[in-house]
Amino acid sequence: MTALSVLDLSPVSSGSTGAQALRNSIDLAQLADKLGYVRYWVAEHHNMPMIASSAPDIMIGQIAAATPRIRVGSGGVMLPNHAPLTVAERFKVLEALFPDRIDLGLGRAPGTDQVTSYMLRRRQNVSEEDDFLDRFSELMALETRQFPEGHPFSKVQAMPAEVKLPPIFLLGSSDYSAQLAGQIGAAFAFAHHFATFPAEEAMRIYRDSFKPSVSHDKPYAILGTHVVCADTDAEADRLASTIDLNFTRRNKGEFLPLASPEEALAYQYSPAERARVAQNRTKLSVGSPATVKEKLDALIAATQADEVMVTTMIHDHQARRRSYELLAPLFI
């Protein structure tokens, strides 16, 4: 049986607020815990009115405190935005408070637009080059105390010093991310829900590239995917119309709160927009439990994923809860 988990961006719906979206995340996490989901990850995005999840470490602590069992983690912490020492200390604190329940998922992108990214980093030594590997190496050197003798950081310890970092996962959507995850010995979470690179090829590259590390001694691959499950195919299709409009708006640089199905179905799509929506729908699993199970089984068989991590970005929180309720018995 394939493990099943949740990726939550704390979506903000039209007519609601970011504060309510965050409270909804805690409510959904409590439901996922009761239903037997393996882990619950929260994202890091900035300057996006449709996403309230901007501080994953804070939300991880709140969710872990409100649930007794489920693993809670970041999907992910965007390492370009943070000093490695800050990440190490925050996640050691979380691990100390909630032993063996925390995951550290790391992303290579800033999770926002270029100007906001600069504002997040402007007090740091900002570089135009991709410095993820440098930051990751520093994070690992802090953990393993392997700074060379005489290095200015050699006497710095991430506190609490006796607590190990949680398991590390690298998030990605490309062949480069898959190869990098294998080379650094991280578990790998592939974002099938928005990637243009084939998931099955990414998973193969990851496994072929894997080298054991202090974090993982063997490869572990998570398939992130978008699911909308309802009692009928027709109802699921109606709920997923919110995703269609959100996808169209994002392509135009519009990051508005999630529209209701009524607003989404009334939108006048151009022929080109309809074609792009249809193509995007091929990445989604939308339908009744039987329909969704068939689609996910095919994905799992193709990718050999160890775990499926589901995101459901729809307007109504109760419908989102229902989607996860219907999905759980299929895999748990």
C-alpha atoms as a PDB file:
ATOM      1  CA  MET A   1       0.000   0.000   0.000  1.00  0.00           C
ATOM      2  CA  THR A   2       1.408   3.390  -1.031  1.00  0.00           C
ATOM      3  CA  ALA A   3       1.770   5.926   1.779  1.00  0.00           C
ATOM      4  CA  LEU A   4      -0.505   8.964   1.516  1.00  0.00           C
ATOM      5  CA  SER A   5       0.249  12.502   2.695  1.00  0.00           C
ATOM      6  CA  VAL A   6      -0.943  16.108   2.406  1.00  0.00           C
ATOM      7  CA  LEU A   7       0.651  19.233   0.926  1.00  0.00           C
ATOM      8  CA  ASP A   8      -1.146  22.364   2.101  1.00  0.00           C
ATOM      9  CA  LEU A   9      -0.571  25.891   0.800  1.00  0.00           C
ATOM     10  CA  SER A  10      -3.258  27.395   3.075  1.00  0.00           C
ATOM     11  CA  PRO A  11      -5.320  28.611   0.096  1.00  0.00           C
ATOM     12  CA  VAL A  12      -7.220  31.855   0.513  1.00  0.00           C
ATOM     13  CA  SER A  13     -10.689  31.735  -1.025  1.00  0.00           C
ATOM     14  CA  SER A  14     -12.607  34.698  -2.372  1.00  0.00           C
ATOM     15  CA  GLY A  15     -14.816  36.146   0.361  1.00  0.00           C
ATOM     16  CA  SER A  16     -12.544  34.778   3.091  1.00  0.00           C
ATOM     17  CA  THR A  17      -9.274  35.851   4.723  1.00  0.00           C
ATOM     18  CA  GLY A  18      -5.703  34.670   5.157  1.00  0.00           C
ATOM     19  CA  ALA A  19      -6.305  34.244   8.872  1.00  0.00           C
ATOM     20  CA  GLN A  20      -9.177  31.867   8.160  1.00  0.00           C
ATOM     21  CA  ALA A  21      -7.036  29.968   5.653  1.00  0.00           C
ATOM     22  CA  LEU A  22      -4.437  29.319   8.345  1.00  0.00           C
ATOM     23  CA  ARG A  23      -7.092  28.128  10.788  1.00  0.00           C
ATOM     24  CA  ASN A  24      -8.447  25.873   8.029  1.00  0.00           C
ATOM     25  CA  SER A  25      -4.985  24.330   7.700  1.00  0.00           C
ATOM     26  CA  ILE A  26      -4.941  23.342  11.356  1.00  0.00           C
ATOM     27  CA  ASP A  27      -8.454  21.911  11.013  1.00  0.00           C
ATOM     28  CA  LEU A  28      -7.485  19.912   7.921  1.00  0.00           C
ATOM     29  CA  ALA A  29      -4.331  18.636   9.593  1.00  0.00           C
ATOM     30  CA  GLN A  30      -6.372  17.331  12.527  1.00  0.00           C
ATOM     31  CA  LEU A  31      -8.639  15.530  10.078  1.00  0.00           C
ATOM     32  CA  ALA A  32      -5.673  14.078   8.169  1.00  0.00           C
ATOM     33  CA  ASP A  33      -4.210  12.850  11.453  1.00  0.00           C
ATOM     34  CA  LYS A  34      -7.434  11.036  12.328  1.00  0.00           C
ATOM     35  CA  LEU A  35      -7.723   9.561   8.825  1.00  0.00           C
ATOM     36  CA  GLY A  36      -4.242   8.038   8.956  1.00  0.00           C
ATOM     37  CA  TYR A  37      -2.291  10.223   6.526  1.00  0.00           C
ATOM     38  CA  VAL A  38       1.463   9.806   7.013  1.00  0.00           C
ATOM     39  CA  ARG A  39       2.612  13.445   6.955  1.00  0.00           C
ATOM     40  CA  TYR A  40       1.308  16.981   6.563  1.00  0.00           C
ATOM     41  CA  TRP A  41       3.509  19.547   4.855  1.00  0.00           C
ATOM     42  CA  VAL A  42       3.020  23.304   4.642  1.00  0.00           C
ATOM     43  CA  ALA A  43       4.520  25.563   1.993  1.00  0.00           C
ATOM     44  CA  GLU A  44       6.455  28.820   1.859  1.00  0.00           C
ATOM     45  CA  HIS A  45       5.176  31.476  -0.559  1.00  0.00           C
ATOM     46  CA  HIS A  46       5.351  35.256  -0.374  1.00  0.00           C
ATOM     47  CA  ASN A  47       3.361  38.177  -1.779  1.00  0.00           C
ATOM     48  CA  MET A  48       0.612  35.925  -3.164  1.00  0.00           C
ATOM     49  CA  PRO A  49      -2.934  36.875  -2.079  1.00  0.00           C
ATOM     50  CA  MET A  50      -4.125  33.337  -2.880  1.00  0.00           C
ATOM     51  CA  ILE A  51      -1.684  31.676  -0.430  1.00  0.00           C
ATOM     52  CA  ALA A  52      -1.491  32.422   3.308  1.00  0.00           C
ATOM     53  CA  SER A  53       1.375  30.035   4.042  1.00  0.00           C
ATOM     54  CA  SER A  54       4.394  32.351   4.349  1.00  0.00           C
ATOM     55  CA  ALA A  55       6.028  31.028   7.555  1.00  0.00           C
ATOM     56  CA  PRO A  56       6.146  27.209   7.484  1.00  0.00           C
ATOM     57  CA  ASP A  57       8.180  26.793  10.669  1.00  0.00           C
ATOM     58  CA  ILE A  58       5.513  28.640  12.671  1.00  0.00           C
ATOM     59  CA  MET A  59       2.696  26.617  11.110  1.00  0.00           C
ATOM     60  CA  ILE A  60       4.579  23.355  11.668  1.00  0.00           C
ATOM     61  CA  GLY A  61       4.729  24.074  15.391  1.00  0.00           C
ATOM     62  CA  GLN A  62       1.059  24.989  15.559  1.00  0.00           C
ATOM     63  CA  ILE A  63      -0.037  21.893  13.611  1.00  0.00           C
ATOM     64  CA  ALA A  64       2.222  19.517  15.535  1.00  0.00           C
ATOM     65  CA  ALA A  65       0.844  20.899  18.799  1.00  0.00           C
ATOM     66  CA  ALA A  66      -2.724  20.339  17.596  1.00  0.00           C
ATOM     67  CA  THR A  67      -2.194  16.727  16.429  1.00  0.00           C
ATOM     68  CA  PRO A  68      -0.973  13.642  18.299  1.00  0.00           C
ATOM     69  CA  ARG A  69       0.538  11.431  15.572  1.00  0.00           C
ATOM     70  CA  ILE A  70       1.045  12.743  12.028  1.00  0.00           C
ATOM     71  CA  ARG A  71       4.478  13.871  10.830  1.00  0.00           C
ATOM     72  CA  VAL A  72       4.573  17.610  10.079  1.00  0.00           C
ATOM     73  CA  GLY A  73       7.028  19.369   7.823  1.00  0.00           C
ATOM     74  CA  SER A  74       7.908  21.976   5.256  1.00  0.00           C
ATOM     75  CA  GLY A  75       7.023  21.612   1.633  1.00  0.00           C
ATOM     76  CA  GLY A  76       9.235  23.436   1.715  1.00  0.00           C
ATOM     77  CA  VAL A  77      11.494  25.957   3.348  1.00  0.00           C
ATOM     78  CA  MET A  78      12.890  27.990   0.452  1.00  0.00           C
ATOM     79  CA  LEU A  79      16.578  27.895   1.352  1.00  0.00           C
ATOM     80  CA  PRO A  80      17.580  30.898  -0.824  1.00  0.00           C
ATOM     81  CA  ASN A  81      15.521  33.078   1.558  1.00  0.00           C
ATOM     82  CA  HIS A  82      17.178  31.976   4.801  1.00  0.00           C
ATOM     83  CA  ALA A  83      20.527  31.758   6.524  1.00  0.00           C
ATOM     84  CA  PRO A  84      21.372  28.052   7.010  1.00  0.00           C
ATOM     85  CA  LEU A  85      21.969  28.631  10.744  1.00  0.00           C
ATOM     86  CA  THR A  86      18.452  30.049  11.083  1.00  0.00           C
ATOM     87  CA  VAL A  87      16.949  26.991   9.363  1.00  0.00           C
ATOM     88  CA  ALA A  88      19.020  24.613  11.477  1.00  0.00           C
ATOM     89  CA  GLU A  89      18.059  26.222  14.771  1.00  0.00           C
ATOM     90  CA  ARG A  90      14.348  26.536  14.000  1.00  0.00           C
ATOM     91  CA  PHE A  91      14.050  22.923  12.923  1.00  0.00           C
ATOM     92  CA  LYS A  92      16.125  21.654  15.831  1.00  0.00           C
ATOM     93  CA  VAL A  93      13.730  23.484  18.147  1.00  0.00           C
ATOM     94  CA  LEU A  94      10.773  21.857  16.387  1.00  0.00           C
ATOM     95  CA  GLU A  95      12.434  18.438  16.559  1.00  0.00           C
ATOM     96  CA  ALA A  96      13.151  18.931  20.261  1.00  0.00           C
ATOM     97  CA  LEU A  97       9.523  19.796  20.975  1.00  0.00           C
ATOM     98  CA  PHE A  98       8.022  17.093  18.713  1.00  0.00           C
ATOM     99  CA  PRO A  99      10.588  14.264  18.516  1.00  0.00           C
ATOM    100  CA  ASP A 100      10.476  12.058  15.391  1.00  0.00           C
ATOM    101  CA  ARG A 101       7.510  13.969  13.960  1.00  0.00           C
ATOM    102  CA  ILE A 102       9.209  16.762  11.969  1.00  0.00           C
ATOM    103  CA  ASP A 103      10.389  16.817   8.334  1.00  0.00           C
ATOM    104  CA  LEU A 104      12.698  19.405   6.758  1.00  0.00           C
ATOM    105  CA  GLY A 105      11.743  19.837   3.113  1.00  0.00           C
ATOM    106  CA  LEU A 106      13.975  22.275   1.229  1.00  0.00           C
ATOM    107  CA  GLY A 107      13.248  24.164  -1.976  1.00  0.00           C
ATOM    108  CA  ARG A 108      15.697  25.744  -4.415  1.00  0.00           C
ATOM    109  CA  ALA A 109      13.385  28.562  -5.571  1.00  0.00           C
ATOM    110  CA  PRO A 110      12.444  31.691  -3.579  1.00  0.00           C
ATOM    111  CA  GLY A 111       8.702  30.947  -3.720  1.00  0.00           C
ATOM    112  CA  THR A 112       7.804  34.420  -4.973  1.00  0.00           C
ATOM    113  CA  ASP A 113       8.498  37.099  -7.570  1.00  0.00           C
ATOM    114  CA  GLN A 114      11.919  38.657  -8.204  1.00  0.00           C
ATOM    115  CA  VAL A 115      11.324  41.910  -6.304  1.00  0.00           C
ATOM    116  CA  THR A 116       9.927  40.168  -3.224  1.00  0.00           C
ATOM    117  CA  SER A 117      12.798  37.701  -3.356  1.00  0.00           C
ATOM    118  CA  TYR A 118      15.270  40.591  -3.302  1.00  0.00           C
ATOM    119  CA  MET A 119      13.437  42.173  -0.364  1.00  0.00           C
ATOM    120  CA  LEU A 120      13.632  38.890   1.566  1.00  0.00           C
ATOM    121  CA  ARG A 121      17.358  38.627   0.955  1.00  0.00           C
ATOM    122  CA  ARG A 122      18.575  42.236   0.752  1.00  0.00           C
ATOM    123  CA  ARG A 123      20.242  42.125   4.183  1.00  0.00           C
ATOM    124  CA  GLN A 124      22.139  39.036   3.046  1.00  0.00           C
ATOM    125  CA  ASN A 125      24.947  38.790   0.490  1.00  0.00           C
ATOM    126  CA  VAL A 126      22.587  38.494  -2.486  1.00  0.00           C
ATOM    127  CA  SER A 127      23.960  36.795  -5.569  1.00  0.00           C
ATOM    128  CA  GLU A 128      22.418  36.424  -8.995  1.00  0.00           C
ATOM    129  CA  GLU A 129      23.791  32.882  -9.132  1.00  0.00           C
ATOM    130  CA  ASP A 130      22.076  29.812  -7.724  1.00  0.00           C
ATOM    131  CA  ASP A 131      23.666  29.431  -4.290  1.00  0.00           C
ATOM    132  CA  PHE A 132      21.489  26.562  -3.066  1.00  0.00           C
ATOM    133  CA  LEU A 133      24.372  24.093  -2.907  1.00  0.00           C
ATOM    134  CA  ASP A 134      26.518  26.527  -0.902  1.00  0.00           C
ATOM    135  CA  ARG A 135      23.694  27.066   1.563  1.00  0.00           C
ATOM    136  CA  PHE A 136      22.927  23.358   1.772  1.00  0.00           C
ATOM    137  CA  SER A 137      26.603  22.532   2.337  1.00  0.00           C
ATOM    138  CA  GLU A 138      26.725  25.071   5.155  1.00  0.00           C
ATOM    139  CA  LEU A 139      23.586  23.567   6.708  1.00  0.00           C
ATOM    140  CA  MET A 140      25.141  20.092   6.601  1.00  0.00           C
ATOM    141  CA  ALA A 141      28.460  21.340   7.956  1.00  0.00           C
ATOM    142  CA  LEU A 142      26.614  22.827  10.910  1.00  0.00           C
ATOM    143  CA  GLU A 143      24.922  19.502  11.526  1.00  0.00           C
ATOM    144  CA  THR A 144      28.032  17.320  11.180  1.00  0.00           C
ATOM    145  CA  ARG A 145      30.496  19.834  12.718  1.00  0.00           C
ATOM    146  CA  GLN A 146      32.729  19.498   9.647  1.00  0.00           C
ATOM    147  CA  PHE A 147      33.864  23.057   9.084  1.00  0.00           C
ATOM    148  CA  PRO A 148      37.667  22.962   8.607  1.00  0.00           C
ATOM    149  CA  GLU A 149      39.835  23.829  11.577  1.00  0.00           C
ATOM    150  CA  GLY A 150      40.331  27.567  11.693  1.00  0.00           C
ATOM    151  CA  HIS A 151      37.152  28.293   9.727  1.00  0.00           C
ATOM    152  CA  PRO A 152      35.259  31.219  11.320  1.00  0.00           C
ATOM    153  CA  PHE A 153      32.144  29.021  11.664  1.00  0.00           C
ATOM    154  CA  SER A 154      33.935  26.038  13.204  1.00  0.00           C
ATOM    155  CA  LYS A 155      32.929  26.981  16.752  1.00  0.00           C
ATOM    156  CA  VAL A 156      29.304  27.806  15.916  1.00  0.00           C
ATOM    157  CA  GLN A 157      26.675  25.303  17.033  1.00  0.00           C
ATOM    158  CA  ALA A 158      23.027  25.272  16.029  1.00  0.00           C
ATOM    159  CA  MET A 159      21.052  25.056  19.247  1.00  0.00           C
ATOM    160  CA  PRO A 160      19.828  22.904  20.862  1.00  0.00           C
ATOM    161  CA  ALA A 161      23.127  21.182  19.986  1.00  0.00           C
ATOM    162  CA  GLU A 162      22.158  17.699  21.174  1.00  0.00           C
ATOM    163  CA  VAL A 163      19.111  17.536  18.860  1.00  0.00           C
ATOM    164  CA  LYS A 164      19.606  16.210  15.342  1.00  0.00           C
ATOM    165  CA  LEU A 165      18.083  17.862  12.296  1.00  0.00           C
ATOM    166  CA  PRO A 166      14.883  16.187  11.085  1.00  0.00           C
ATOM    167  CA  PRO A 167      15.017  14.048   7.919  1.00  0.00           C
ATOM    168  CA  ILE A 168      15.831  16.160   4.860  1.00  0.00           C
ATOM    169  CA  PHE A 169      13.813  16.177   1.643  1.00  0.00           C
ATOM    170  CA  LEU A 170      14.615  18.108  -1.530  1.00  0.00           C
ATOM    171  CA  LEU A 171      11.671  19.484  -3.480  1.00  0.00           C
ATOM    172  CA  GLY A 172      11.902  19.745  -7.245  1.00  0.00           C
ATOM    173  CA  SER A 173      10.176  19.705 -10.614  1.00  0.00           C
ATOM    174  CA  SER A 174      13.039  19.034 -13.025  1.00  0.00           C
ATOM    175  CA  ASP A 175      15.709  16.531 -13.992  1.00  0.00           C
ATOM    176  CA  TYR A 176      18.343  18.726 -12.326  1.00  0.00           C
ATOM    177  CA  SER A 177      16.475  18.658  -8.999  1.00  0.00           C
ATOM    178  CA  ALA A 178      16.080  14.890  -9.238  1.00  0.00           C
ATOM    179  CA  GLN A 179      19.789  14.375  -9.856  1.00  0.00           C
ATOM    180  CA  LEU A 180      20.759  16.835  -7.132  1.00  0.00           C
ATOM    181  CA  ALA A 181      18.480  15.147  -4.576  1.00  0.00           C
ATOM    182  CA  GLY A 182      20.181  11.832  -5.328  1.00  0.00           C
ATOM    183  CA  GLN A 183      23.688  13.259  -5.167  1.00  0.00           C
ATOM    184  CA  ILE A 184      23.176  14.936  -1.780  1.00  0.00           C
ATOM    185  CA  GLY A 185      21.425  11.873  -0.355  1.00  0.00           C
ATOM    186  CA  ALA A 186      18.098  13.538   0.386  1.00  0.00           C
ATOM    187  CA  ALA A 187      14.649  12.097  -0.005  1.00  0.00           C
ATOM    188  CA  PHE A 188      13.001  13.593  -3.098  1.00  0.00           C
ATOM    189  CA  ALA A 189       9.553  15.161  -3.475  1.00  0.00           C
ATOM    190  CA  PHE A 190       8.635  15.732  -7.119  1.00  0.00           C
ATOM    191  CA  ALA A 191       6.025  18.416  -7.896  1.00  0.00           C
ATOM    192  CA  HIS A 192       4.059  16.592 -10.573  1.00  0.00           C
ATOM    193  CA  HIS A 193       1.158  19.032 -10.105  1.00  0.00           C
ATOM    194  CA  PHE A 194       3.023  21.836 -11.898  1.00  0.00           C
ATOM    195  CA  ALA A 195       6.136  20.234 -13.423  1.00  0.00           C
ATOM    196  CA  THR A 196       6.663  20.109 -17.167  1.00  0.00           C
ATOM    197  CA  PHE A 197       9.292  17.356 -16.832  1.00  0.00           C
ATOM    198  CA  PRO A 198       7.938  13.757 -16.838  1.00  0.00           C
ATOM    199  CA  ALA A 199       7.523  12.410 -13.321  1.00  0.00           C
ATOM    200  CA  GLU A 200       8.555   8.857 -14.186  1.00  0.00           C
ATOM    201  CA  GLU A 201      11.834  10.073 -15.698  1.00  0.00           C
ATOM    202  CA  ALA A 202      12.547  12.325 -12.709  1.00  0.00           C
ATOM    203  CA  MET A 203      12.043   9.449 -10.297  1.00  0.00           C
ATOM    204  CA  ARG A 204      14.360   7.198 -12.352  1.00  0.00           C
ATOM    205  CA  ILE A 205      17.096   9.856 -12.426  1.00  0.00           C
ATOM    206  CA  TYR A 206      16.770  10.344  -8.677  1.00  0.00           C
ATOM    207  CA  ARG A 207      17.169   6.665  -7.871  1.00  0.00           C
ATOM    208  CA  ASP A 208      20.052   6.218 -10.324  1.00  0.00           C
ATOM    209  CA  SER A 209      21.851   9.223  -8.807  1.00  0.00           C
ATOM    210  CA  PHE A 210      21.292   8.419  -5.148  1.00  0.00           C
ATOM    211  CA  LYS A 211      24.233   8.350  -2.726  1.00  0.00           C
ATOM    212  CA  PRO A 212      23.660   7.506   0.972  1.00  0.00           C
ATOM    213  CA  SER A 213      23.987  10.394   3.430  1.00  0.00           C
ATOM    214  CA  VAL A 214      23.646  11.213   7.118  1.00  0.00           C
ATOM    215  CA  SER A 215      19.982  11.963   6.396  1.00  0.00           C
ATOM    216  CA  HIS A 216      18.996   8.911   4.297  1.00  0.00           C
ATOM    217  CA  ASP A 217      20.698   5.581   3.621  1.00  0.00           C
ATOM    218  CA  LYS A 218      18.462   4.715   0.660  1.00  0.00           C
ATOM    219  CA  PRO A 219      16.311   6.641  -1.852  1.00  0.00           C
ATOM    220  CA  TYR A 220      12.792   7.669  -0.926  1.00  0.00           C
ATOM    221  CA  ALA A 221      10.574   9.277  -3.564  1.00  0.00           C
ATOM    222  CA  ILE A 222       7.398  11.270  -2.946  1.00  0.00           C
ATOM    223  CA  LEU A 223       5.069  12.152  -5.814  1.00  0.00           C
ATOM    224  CA  GLY A 224       3.297  15.464  -5.239  1.00  0.00           C
ATOM    225  CA  THR A 225       0.073  15.651  -7.209  1.00  0.00           C
ATOM    226  CA  HIS A 226      -3.196  17.579  -7.410  1.00  0.00           C
ATOM    227  CA  VAL A 227      -6.376  15.676  -6.518  1.00  0.00           C
ATOM    228  CA  VAL A 228     -10.027  16.694  -6.342  1.00  0.00           C
ATOM    229  CA  CYS A 229     -12.227  13.864  -5.115  1.00  0.00           C
ATOM    230  CA  ALA A 230     -15.997  14.140  -4.660  1.00  0.00           C
ATOM    231  CA  ASP A 231     -18.951  11.781  -4.443  1.00  0.00           C
ATOM    232  CA  THR A 232     -19.489  11.962  -8.208  1.00  0.00           C
ATOM    233  CA  ASP A 233     -17.361  12.741 -11.239  1.00  0.00           C
ATOM    234  CA  ALA A 234     -19.631  15.671 -12.070  1.00  0.00           C
ATOM    235  CA  GLU A 235     -19.267  17.265  -8.640  1.00  0.00           C
ATOM    236  CA  ALA A 236     -15.488  16.838  -8.677  1.00  0.00           C
ATOM    237  CA  ASP A 237     -15.335  18.436 -12.118  1.00  0.00           C
ATOM    238  CA  ARG A 238     -17.382  21.390 -10.847  1.00  0.00           C
ATOM    239  CA  LEU A 239     -15.083  21.872  -7.846  1.00  0.00           C
ATOM    240  CA  ALA A 240     -11.997  21.647 -10.061  1.00  0.00           C
ATOM    241  CA  SER A 241     -13.201  24.580 -12.166  1.00  0.00           C
ATOM    242  CA  THR A 242     -11.642  26.738  -9.434  1.00  0.00           C
ATOM    243  CA  ILE A 243      -8.254  25.232 -10.306  1.00  0.00           C
ATOM    244  CA  ASP A 244      -8.818  25.916 -14.010  1.00  0.00           C
ATOM    245  CA  LEU A 245      -9.407  29.620 -13.424  1.00  0.00           C
ATOM    246  CA  ASN A 246      -6.572  29.905 -10.907  1.00  0.00           C
ATOM    247  CA  PHE A 247      -4.222  28.298 -13.449  1.00  0.00           C
ATOM    248  CA  THR A 248      -5.370  30.727 -16.136  1.00  0.00           C
ATOM    249  CA  ARG A 249      -4.958  33.740 -13.893  1.00  0.00           C
ATOM    250  CA  ARG A 250      -1.488  32.695 -12.764  1.00  0.00           C
ATOM    251  CA  ASN A 251      -0.393  32.402 -16.382  1.00  0.00           C
ATOM    252  CA  LYS A 252      -1.315  36.081 -16.699  1.00  0.00           C
ATOM    253  CA  GLY A 253       0.515  37.035 -13.503  1.00  0.00           C
ATOM    254  CA  GLU A 254      -2.692  37.349 -11.469  1.00  0.00           C
ATOM    255  CA  PHE A 255      -2.473  35.737  -8.016  1.00  0.00           C
ATOM    256  CA  LEU A 256      -5.997  36.386  -6.792  1.00  0.00           C
ATOM    257  CA  PRO A 257      -7.835  34.496  -4.045  1.00  0.00           C
ATOM    258  CA  LEU A 258      -9.397  31.252  -5.265  1.00  0.00           C
ATOM    259  CA  ALA A 259     -12.621  31.828  -7.166  1.00  0.00           C
ATOM    260  CA  SER A 260     -15.823  29.938  -6.391  1.00  0.00           C
ATOM    261  CA  PRO A 261     -16.938  27.291  -8.908  1.00  0.00           C
ATOM    262  CA  GLU A 262     -19.785  29.615  -9.898  1.00  0.00           C
ATOM    263  CA  GLU A 263     -17.360  32.414 -10.772  1.00  0.00           C
ATOM    264  CA  ALA A 264     -14.971  30.009 -12.476  1.00  0.00           C
ATOM    265  CA  LEU A 265     -17.668  28.418 -14.618  1.00  0.00           C
ATOM    266  CA  ALA A 266     -18.898  31.850 -15.725  1.00  0.00           C
ATOM    267  CA  TYR A 267     -15.430  32.935 -16.886  1.00  0.00           C
ATOM    268  CA  GLN A 268     -15.097  33.467 -20.632  1.00  0.00           C
ATOM    269  CA  TYR A 269     -12.015  31.498 -21.663  1.00  0.00           C
ATOM    270  CA  SER A 270     -10.307  32.216 -24.952  1.00  0.00           C
ATOM    271  CA  PRO A 271      -9.642  29.205 -27.207  1.00  0.00           C
ATOM    272  CA  ALA A 272      -5.939  29.341 -26.263  1.00  0.00           C
ATOM    273  CA  GLU A 273      -6.792  29.444 -22.562  1.00  0.00           C
ATOM    274  CA  ARG A 274      -9.128  26.474 -22.916  1.00  0.00           C
ATOM    275  CA  ALA A 275      -6.376  24.503 -24.622  1.00  0.00           C
ATOM    276  CA  ARG A 276      -3.929  25.270 -21.809  1.00  0.00           C
ATOM    277  CA  VAL A 277      -6.533  24.363 -19.164  1.00  0.00           C
ATOM    278  CA  ALA A 278      -7.191  21.044 -20.899  1.00  0.00           C
ATOM    279  CA  GLN A 279      -3.474  20.308 -20.941  1.00  0.00           C
ATOM    280  CA  ASN A 280      -3.167  21.184 -17.246  1.00  0.00           C
ATOM    281  CA  ARG A 281      -6.081  18.909 -16.393  1.00  0.00           C
ATOM    282  CA  THR A 282      -3.993  15.938 -17.557  1.00  0.00           C
ATOM    283  CA  LYS A 283      -1.838  16.497 -14.453  1.00  0.00           C
ATOM    284  CA  LEU A 284      -4.854  16.433 -12.120  1.00  0.00           C
ATOM    285  CA  SER A 285      -6.753  13.482 -10.711  1.00  0.00           C
ATOM    286  CA  VAL A 286     -10.368  14.670 -10.654  1.00  0.00           C
ATOM    287  CA  GLY A 287     -13.434  12.545 -10.038  1.00  0.00           C
ATOM    288  CA  SER A 288     -15.238  10.100  -7.807  1.00  0.00           C
ATOM    289  CA  PRO A 289     -13.174   7.783  -5.593  1.00  0.00           C
ATOM    290  CA  ALA A 290     -13.137   5.080  -8.275  1.00  0.00           C
ATOM    291  CA  THR A 291     -12.029   7.523 -10.971  1.00  0.00           C
ATOM    292  CA  VAL A 292      -9.322   9.071  -8.806  1.00  0.00           C
ATOM    293  CA  LYS A 293      -8.033   5.650  -7.699  1.00  0.00           C
ATOM    294  CA  GLU A 294      -7.605   4.560 -11.306  1.00  0.00           C
ATOM    295  CA  LYS A 295      -5.639   7.709 -12.185  1.00  0.00           C
ATOM    296  CA  LEU A 296      -3.420   7.600  -9.115  1.00  0.00           C
ATOM    297  CA  ASP A 297      -2.715   3.876  -9.522  1.00  0.00           C
ATOM    298  CA  ALA A 298      -1.433   4.570 -13.043  1.00  0.00           C
ATOM    299  CA  LEU A 299       0.803   7.383 -11.760  1.00  0.00           C
ATOM    300  CA  ILE A 300       2.172   5.255  -8.950  1.00  0.00           C
ATOM    301  CA  ALA A 301       2.898   2.363 -11.317  1.00  0.00           C
ATOM    302  CA  ALA A 302       4.697   4.662 -13.760  1.00  0.00           C
ATOM    303  CA  THR A 303       6.813   6.461 -11.147  1.00  0.00           C
ATOM    304  CA  GLN A 304       7.245   3.721  -8.537  1.00  0.00           C
ATOM    305  CA  ALA A 305       6.622   6.421  -5.936  1.00  0.00           C
ATOM    306  CA  ASP A 306       7.082   5.403  -2.319  1.00  0.00           C
ATOM    307  CA  GLU A 307       4.494   7.963  -1.247  1.00  0.00           C
ATOM    308  CA  VAL A 308       1.807  10.164  -2.800  1.00  0.00           C
ATOM    309  CA  MET A 309       1.457  13.697  -1.419  1.00  0.00           C
ATOM    310  CA  VAL A 310      -1.854  15.304  -2.322  1.00  0.00           C
ATOM    311  CA  THR A 311      -2.693  18.966  -2.664  1.00  0.00           C
ATOM    312  CA  THR A 312      -6.287  20.140  -3.183  1.00  0.00           C
ATOM    313  CA  MET A 313      -6.625  23.816  -4.057  1.00  0.00           C
ATOM    314  CA  ILE A 314     -10.383  24.331  -4.181  1.00  0.00           C
ATOM    315  CA  HIS A 315     -12.637  27.113  -2.939  1.00  0.00           C
ATOM    316  CA  ASP A 316     -14.740  25.506  -0.225  1.00  0.00           C
ATOM    317  CA  HIS A 317     -13.002  24.177   2.894  1.00  0.00           C
ATOM    318  CA  GLN A 318     -15.691  21.603   3.600  1.00  0.00           C
ATOM    319  CA  ALA A 319     -15.375  20.253   0.061  1.00  0.00           C
ATOM    320  CA  ARG A 320     -11.615  20.060   0.579  1.00  0.00           C
ATOM    321  CA  ARG A 321     -12.129  18.093   3.784  1.00  0.00           C
ATOM    322  CA  ARG A 322     -14.525  15.784   1.948  1.00  0.00           C
ATOM    323  CA  SER A 323     -11.968  15.181  -0.810  1.00  0.00           C
ATOM    324  CA  TYR A 324      -9.380  13.957   1.696  1.00  0.00           C
ATOM    325  CA  GLU A 325     -12.010  11.875   3.507  1.00  0.00           C
ATOM    326  CA  LEU A 326     -12.962  10.087   0.287  1.00  0.00           C
ATOM    327  CA  LEU A 327      -9.353   9.561  -0.737  1.00  0.00           C
ATOM    328  CA  ALA A 328      -8.091   8.055   2.514  1.00  0.00           C
ATOM    329  CA  PRO A 329      -9.850   4.647   2.340  1.00  0.00           C
ATOM    330  CA  LEU A 330      -8.420   4.069  -1.131  1.00  0.00           C
ATOM    331  CA  PHE A 331      -4.832   3.915   0.141  1.00  0.00           C
ATOM    332  CA  ILE A 332      -4.816   3.814   3.954  1.00  0.00           C
END
